Amino acid sequence: MGEIDHTSISWKIVCPHCGHKHDDTDFRCDGVMEGNQICHSCDREFSFTSDFTVYWTTEKITNQSS
């Protein structure tokens, strides 16, 4: 069996032991975006962290008095 790709950017948390892809809803951490978790598939523990990027957009407000 080859190496499991668990470090790539992913929308799901990937178990580094078995490759199982967890739904992010499985990881409700009360605002903490890192911690340890037991895999639902292989029952082995792993750690996880999340990374967020914020992009801002703006637009003009029309019909506004100056």
PDB file of N, CA and C in Angstrom:
ATOM      1  N   MET A   1       0.855  -1.184   0.000  1.00  0.00           N
ATOM      2  CA  MET A   1       0.000   0.000   0.000  1.00  0.00           C
ATOM      3  C   MET A   1       0.889   1.231   0.000  1.00  0.00           C
ATOM      4  N   GLY A   2       0.555   2.235  -0.812  1.00  0.00           N
ATOM      5  CA  GLY A   2       1.335   3.451  -0.924  1.00  0.00           C
ATOM      6  C   GLY A   2       1.099   4.404   0.229  1.00  0.00           C
ATOM      7  N   GLU A   3       1.847   5.479   0.212  1.00  0.00           N
ATOM      8  CA  GLU A   3       1.722   6.516   1.235  1.00  0.00           C
ATOM      9  C   GLU A   3       0.371   7.220   1.107  1.00  0.00           C
ATOM     10  N   ILE A   4      -0.280   7.496   2.227  1.00  0.00           N
ATOM     11  CA  ILE A   4      -1.575   8.178   2.242  1.00  0.00           C
ATOM     12  C   ILE A   4      -1.342   9.679   2.171  1.00  0.00           C
ATOM     13  N   ASP A   5      -1.988  10.347   1.213  1.00  0.00           N
ATOM     14  CA  ASP A   5      -1.870  11.803   1.080  1.00  0.00           C
ATOM     15  C   ASP A   5      -2.840  12.453   2.061  1.00  0.00           C
ATOM     16  N   HIS A   6      -2.327  12.857   3.214  1.00  0.00           N
ATOM     17  CA  HIS A   6      -3.162  13.467   4.236  1.00  0.00           C
ATOM     18  C   HIS A   6      -2.767  14.909   4.516  1.00  0.00           C
ATOM     19  N   THR A   7      -1.782  15.439   3.778  1.00  0.00           N
ATOM     20  CA  THR A   7      -1.318  16.797   4.036  1.00  0.00           C
ATOM     21  C   THR A   7      -1.744  17.793   2.966  1.00  0.00           C
ATOM     22  N   SER A   8      -2.335  17.330   1.894  1.00  0.00           N
ATOM     23  CA  SER A   8      -2.791  18.238   0.842  1.00  0.00           C
ATOM     24  C   SER A   8      -3.985  19.046   1.324  1.00  0.00           C
ATOM     25  N   ILE A   9      -4.210  20.166   0.689  1.00  0.00           N
ATOM     26  CA  ILE A   9      -5.380  20.975   1.012  1.00  0.00           C
ATOM     27  C   ILE A   9      -6.617  20.152   0.675  1.00  0.00           C
ATOM     28  N   SER A  10      -7.510  20.052   1.631  1.00  0.00           N
ATOM     29  CA  SER A  10      -8.682  19.207   1.468  1.00  0.00           C
ATOM     30  C   SER A  10      -9.860  19.828   2.192  1.00  0.00           C
ATOM     31  N   TRP A  11     -11.049  19.592   1.684  1.00  0.00           N
ATOM     32  CA  TRP A  11     -12.268  20.050   2.354  1.00  0.00           C
ATOM     33  C   TRP A  11     -12.705  19.054   3.408  1.00  0.00           C
ATOM     34  N   LYS A  12     -12.040  17.925   3.456  1.00  0.00           N
ATOM     35  CA  LYS A  12     -12.358  16.908   4.456  1.00  0.00           C
ATOM     36  C   LYS A  12     -11.097  16.575   5.234  1.00  0.00           C
ATOM     37  N   ILE A  13     -11.265  16.145   6.468  1.00  0.00           N
ATOM     38  CA  ILE A  13     -10.144  15.730   7.291  1.00  0.00           C
ATOM     39  C   ILE A  13      -9.816  14.288   6.917  1.00  0.00           C
ATOM     40  N   VAL A  14      -8.560  14.031   6.561  1.00  0.00           N
ATOM     41  CA  VAL A  14      -8.135  12.706   6.113  1.00  0.00           C
ATOM     42  C   VAL A  14      -7.305  12.049   7.208  1.00  0.00           C
ATOM     43  N   CYS A  15      -7.705  10.862   7.608  1.00  0.00           N
ATOM     44  CA  CYS A  15      -6.956  10.116   8.616  1.00  0.00           C
ATOM     45  C   CYS A  15      -5.591   9.743   8.036  1.00  0.00           C
ATOM     46  N   PRO A  16      -4.494  10.105   8.730  1.00  0.00           N
ATOM     47  CA  PRO A  16      -3.165   9.776   8.210  1.00  0.00           C
ATOM     48  C   PRO A  16      -2.816   8.289   8.341  1.00  0.00           C
ATOM     49  N   HIS A  17      -3.627   7.541   9.090  1.00  0.00           N
ATOM     50  CA  HIS A  17      -3.387   6.107   9.268  1.00  0.00           C
ATOM     51  C   HIS A  17      -4.030   5.277   8.165  1.00  0.00           C
ATOM     52  N   CYS A  18      -5.317   5.534   7.884  1.00  0.00           N
ATOM     53  CA  CYS A  18      -6.045   4.668   6.943  1.00  0.00           C
ATOM     54  C   CYS A  18      -6.558   5.391   5.699  1.00  0.00           C
ATOM     55  N   GLY A  19      -6.508   6.743   5.696  1.00  0.00           N
ATOM     56  CA  GLY A  19      -6.967   7.496   4.533  1.00  0.00           C
ATOM     57  C   GLY A  19      -8.450   7.813   4.534  1.00  0.00           C
ATOM     58  N   HIS A  20      -9.168   7.423   5.586  1.00  0.00           N
ATOM     59  CA  HIS A  20     -10.604   7.700   5.655  1.00  0.00           C
ATOM     60  C   HIS A  20     -10.846   9.203   5.640  1.00  0.00           C
ATOM     61  N   LYS A  21     -11.789   9.637   4.823  1.00  0.00           N
ATOM     62  CA  LYS A  21     -12.141  11.057   4.734  1.00  0.00           C
ATOM     63  C   LYS A  21     -13.339  11.332   5.630  1.00  0.00           C
ATOM     64  N   HIS A  22     -13.119  12.173   6.628  1.00  0.00           N
ATOM     65  CA  HIS A  22     -14.156  12.519   7.595  1.00  0.00           C
ATOM     66  C   HIS A  22     -14.878  13.782   7.140  1.00  0.00           C
ATOM     67  N   ASP A  23     -16.183  13.811   7.323  1.00  0.00           N
ATOM     68  CA  ASP A  23     -16.932  15.033   7.097  1.00  0.00           C
ATOM     69  C   ASP A  23     -16.542  16.038   8.167  1.00  0.00           C
ATOM     70  N   ASP A  24     -16.451  17.318   7.804  1.00  0.00           N
ATOM     71  CA  ASP A  24     -16.053  18.329   8.788  1.00  0.00           C
ATOM     72  C   ASP A  24     -17.071  18.444   9.912  1.00  0.00           C
ATOM     73  N   THR A  25     -18.311  18.004   9.686  1.00  0.00           N
ATOM     74  CA  THR A  25     -19.319  18.054  10.737  1.00  0.00           C
ATOM     75  C   THR A  25     -18.997  17.082  11.866  1.00  0.00           C
ATOM     76  N   ASP A  26     -18.100  16.116  11.612  1.00  0.00           N
ATOM     77  CA  ASP A  26     -17.668  15.191  12.655  1.00  0.00           C
ATOM     78  C   ASP A  26     -16.752  15.873  13.666  1.00  0.00           C
ATOM     79  N   PHE A  27     -16.238  17.033  13.325  1.00  0.00           N
ATOM     80  CA  PHE A  27     -15.230  17.700  14.138  1.00  0.00           C
ATOM     81  C   PHE A  27     -15.754  19.040  14.631  1.00  0.00           C
ATOM     82  N   ARG A  28     -16.700  19.013  15.532  1.00  0.00           N
ATOM     83  CA  ARG A  28     -17.202  20.226  16.161  1.00  0.00           C
ATOM     84  C   ARG A  28     -16.392  20.448  17.425  1.00  0.00           C
ATOM     85  N   CYS A  29     -15.605  21.507  17.428  1.00  0.00           N
ATOM     86  CA  CYS A  29     -14.611  21.687  18.489  1.00  0.00           C
ATOM     87  C   CYS A  29     -14.850  22.955  19.288  1.00  0.00           C
ATOM     88  N   ASP A  30     -16.067  23.469  19.304  1.00  0.00           N
ATOM     89  CA  ASP A  30     -16.380  24.668  20.063  1.00  0.00           C
ATOM     90  C   ASP A  30     -15.433  25.816  19.732  1.00  0.00           C
ATOM     91  N   GLY A  31     -15.145  26.018  18.458  1.00  0.00           N
ATOM     92  CA  GLY A  31     -14.304  27.121  18.018  1.00  0.00           C
ATOM     93  C   GLY A  31     -12.829  26.796  17.973  1.00  0.00           C
ATOM     94  N   VAL A  32     -12.400  25.696  18.581  1.00  0.00           N
ATOM     95  CA  VAL A  32     -10.996  25.308  18.520  1.00  0.00           C
ATOM     96  C   VAL A  32     -10.777  24.554  17.217  1.00  0.00           C
ATOM     97  N   MET A  33      -9.824  25.011  16.435  1.00  0.00           N
ATOM     98  CA  MET A  33      -9.619  24.394  15.130  1.00  0.00           C
ATOM     99  C   MET A  33      -8.361  23.535  15.090  1.00  0.00           C
ATOM    100  N   GLU A  34      -8.040  22.935  16.220  1.00  0.00           N
ATOM    101  CA  GLU A  34      -6.968  21.959  16.275  1.00  0.00           C
ATOM    102  C   GLU A  34      -7.231  21.035  17.461  1.00  0.00           C
ATOM    103  N   GLY A  35      -6.704  19.875  17.373  1.00  0.00           N
ATOM    104  CA  GLY A  35      -6.908  18.932  18.465  1.00  0.00           C
ATOM    105  C   GLY A  35      -6.567  17.519  18.055  1.00  0.00           C
ATOM    106  N   ASN A  36      -6.994  16.569  18.851  1.00  0.00           N
ATOM    107  CA  ASN A  36      -6.799  15.147  18.568  1.00  0.00           C
ATOM    108  C   ASN A  36      -8.161  14.515  18.325  1.00  0.00           C
ATOM    109  N   GLN A  37      -8.166  13.472  17.504  1.00  0.00           N
ATOM    110  CA  GLN A  37      -9.416  12.812  17.154  1.00  0.00           C
ATOM    111  C   GLN A  37      -9.157  11.332  16.949  1.00  0.00           C
ATOM    112  N   ILE A  38     -10.122  10.516  17.286  1.00  0.00           N
ATOM    113  CA  ILE A  38     -10.080   9.088  16.979  1.00  0.00           C
ATOM    114  C   ILE A  38     -10.787   8.892  15.638  1.00  0.00           C
ATOM    115  N   CYS A  39     -10.127   8.202  14.721  1.00  0.00           N
ATOM    116  CA  CYS A  39     -10.711   7.943  13.401  1.00  0.00           C
ATOM    117  C   CYS A  39     -11.925   7.045  13.546  1.00  0.00           C
ATOM    118  N   HIS A  40     -12.998   7.382  12.859  1.00  0.00           N
ATOM    119  CA  HIS A  40     -14.231   6.597  12.911  1.00  0.00           C
ATOM    120  C   HIS A  40     -14.107   5.275  12.151  1.00  0.00           C
ATOM    121  N   SER A  41     -13.072   5.180  11.309  1.00  0.00           N
ATOM    122  CA  SER A  41     -12.911   3.982  10.499  1.00  0.00           C
ATOM    123  C   SER A  41     -11.915   2.985  11.101  1.00  0.00           C
ATOM    124  N   CYS A  42     -10.726   3.477  11.522  1.00  0.00           N
ATOM    125  CA  CYS A  42      -9.696   2.552  12.008  1.00  0.00           C
ATOM    126  C   CYS A  42      -9.469   2.632  13.518  1.00  0.00           C
ATOM    127  N   ASP A  43     -10.170   3.544  14.204  1.00  0.00           N
ATOM    128  CA  ASP A  43     -10.073   3.701  15.659  1.00  0.00           C
ATOM    129  C   ASP A  43      -8.687   4.111  16.153  1.00  0.00           C
ATOM    130  N   ARG A  44      -7.866   4.728  15.278  1.00  0.00           N
ATOM    131  CA  ARG A  44      -6.554   5.208  15.698  1.00  0.00           C
ATOM    132  C   ARG A  44      -6.610   6.719  15.867  1.00  0.00           C
ATOM    133  N   GLU A  45      -5.787   7.217  16.773  1.00  0.00           N
ATOM    134  CA  GLU A  45      -5.794   8.645  17.079  1.00  0.00           C
ATOM    135  C   GLU A  45      -4.863   9.414  16.147  1.00  0.00           C
ATOM    136  N   PHE A  46      -5.281  10.634  15.788  1.00  0.00           N
ATOM    137  CA  PHE A  46      -4.446  11.546  15.013  1.00  0.00           C
ATOM    138  C   PHE A  46      -4.768  12.967  15.432  1.00  0.00           C
ATOM    139  N   SER A  47      -3.884  13.884  15.088  1.00  0.00           N
ATOM    140  CA  SER A  47      -4.129  15.297  15.393  1.00  0.00           C
ATOM    141  C   SER A  47      -4.562  16.012  14.120  1.00  0.00           C
ATOM    142  N   PHE A  48      -5.276  17.122  14.296  1.00  0.00           N
ATOM    143  CA  PHE A  48      -5.717  17.907  13.142  1.00  0.00           C
ATOM    144  C   PHE A  48      -5.601  19.392  13.457  1.00  0.00           C
ATOM    145  N   THR A  49      -5.411  20.171  12.433  1.00  0.00           N
ATOM    146  CA  THR A  49      -5.443  21.635  12.518  1.00  0.00           C
ATOM    147  C   THR A  49      -6.151  22.136  11.267  1.00  0.00           C
ATOM    148  N   SER A  50      -6.713  23.323  11.360  1.00  0.00           N
ATOM    149  CA  SER A  50      -7.347  23.914  10.184  1.00  0.00           C
ATOM    150  C   SER A  50      -6.634  25.217   9.862  1.00  0.00           C
ATOM    151  N   ASP A  51      -6.780  25.647   8.630  1.00  0.00           N
ATOM    152  CA  ASP A  51      -6.163  26.868   8.158  1.00  0.00           C
ATOM    153  C   ASP A  51      -7.214  27.629   7.368  1.00  0.00           C
ATOM    154  N   PHE A  52      -7.377  28.897   7.685  1.00  0.00           N
ATOM    155  CA  PHE A  52      -8.375  29.711   7.015  1.00  0.00           C
ATOM    156  C   PHE A  52      -7.716  30.874   6.286  1.00  0.00           C
ATOM    157  N   THR A  53      -8.235  31.210   5.130  1.00  0.00           N
ATOM    158  CA  THR A  53      -7.823  32.386   4.386  1.00  0.00           C
ATOM    159  C   THR A  53      -9.068  33.237   4.164  1.00  0.00           C
ATOM    160  N   VAL A  54      -8.972  34.509   4.471  1.00  0.00           N
ATOM    161  CA  VAL A  54     -10.099  35.419   4.292  1.00  0.00           C
ATOM    162  C   VAL A  54      -9.822  36.308   3.088  1.00  0.00           C
ATOM    163  N   TYR A  55     -10.788  36.429   2.217  1.00  0.00           N
ATOM    164  CA  TYR A  55     -10.720  37.323   1.076  1.00  0.00           C
ATOM    165  C   TYR A  55     -11.806  38.369   1.234  1.00  0.00           C
ATOM    166  N   TRP A  56     -11.442  39.622   1.068  1.00  0.00           N
ATOM    167  CA  TRP A  56     -12.404  40.712   1.198  1.00  0.00           C
ATOM    168  C   TRP A  56     -12.850  41.168  -0.178  1.00  0.00           C
ATOM    169  N   THR A  57     -14.131  41.463  -0.299  1.00  0.00           N
ATOM    170  CA  THR A  57     -14.656  42.082  -1.509  1.00  0.00           C
ATOM    171  C   THR A  57     -15.423  43.330  -1.095  1.00  0.00           C
ATOM    172  N   THR A  58     -15.453  44.305  -1.969  1.00  0.00           N
ATOM    173  CA  THR A  58     -16.200  45.534  -1.704  1.00  0.00           C
ATOM    174  C   THR A  58     -17.028  45.896  -2.919  1.00  0.00           C
ATOM    175  N   GLU A  59     -18.078  46.661  -2.686  1.00  0.00           N
ATOM    176  CA  GLU A  59     -18.838  47.219  -3.794  1.00  0.00           C
ATOM    177  C   GLU A  59     -19.453  48.544  -3.360  1.00  0.00           C
ATOM    178  N   LYS A  60     -19.666  49.391  -4.346  1.00  0.00           N
ATOM    179  CA  LYS A  60     -20.253  50.703  -4.082  1.00  0.00           C
ATOM    180  C   LYS A  60     -21.708  50.550  -3.679  1.00  0.00           C
ATOM    181  N   ILE A  61     -22.150  51.434  -2.787  1.00  0.00           N
ATOM    182  CA  ILE A  61     -23.563  51.514  -2.419  1.00  0.00           C
ATOM    183  C   ILE A  61     -24.160  52.643  -3.230  1.00  0.00           C
ATOM    184  N   THR A  62     -25.162  52.340  -3.990  1.00  0.00           N
ATOM    185  CA  THR A  62     -25.792  53.366  -4.836  1.00  0.00           C
ATOM    186  C   THR A  62     -26.954  54.022  -4.109  1.00  0.00           C
ATOM    187  N   ASN A  63     -27.374  55.170  -4.609  1.00  0.00           N
ATOM    188  CA  ASN A  63     -28.495  55.928  -4.042  1.00  0.00           C
ATOM    189  C   ASN A  63     -28.248  56.323  -2.585  1.00  0.00           C
ATOM    190  N   GLN A  64     -27.044  56.757  -2.314  1.00  0.00           N
ATOM    191  CA  GLN A  64     -26.701  57.167  -0.964  1.00  0.00           C
ATOM    192  C   GLN A  64     -26.469  58.668  -0.972  1.00  0.00           C
ATOM    193  N   SER A  65     -27.076  59.391  -0.020  1.00  0.00           N
ATOM    194  CA  SER A  65     -26.871  60.835   0.033  1.00  0.00           C
ATOM    195  C   SER A  65     -25.488  61.137   0.573  1.00  0.00           C
ATOM    196  N   SER A  66     -24.842  62.195   0.001  1.00  0.00           N
ATOM    197  CA  SER A  66     -23.497  62.507   0.441  1.00  0.00           C
ATOM    198  C   SER A  66     -23.452  63.675   1.378  1.00  0.00           C
TER     199      SER A  66
END
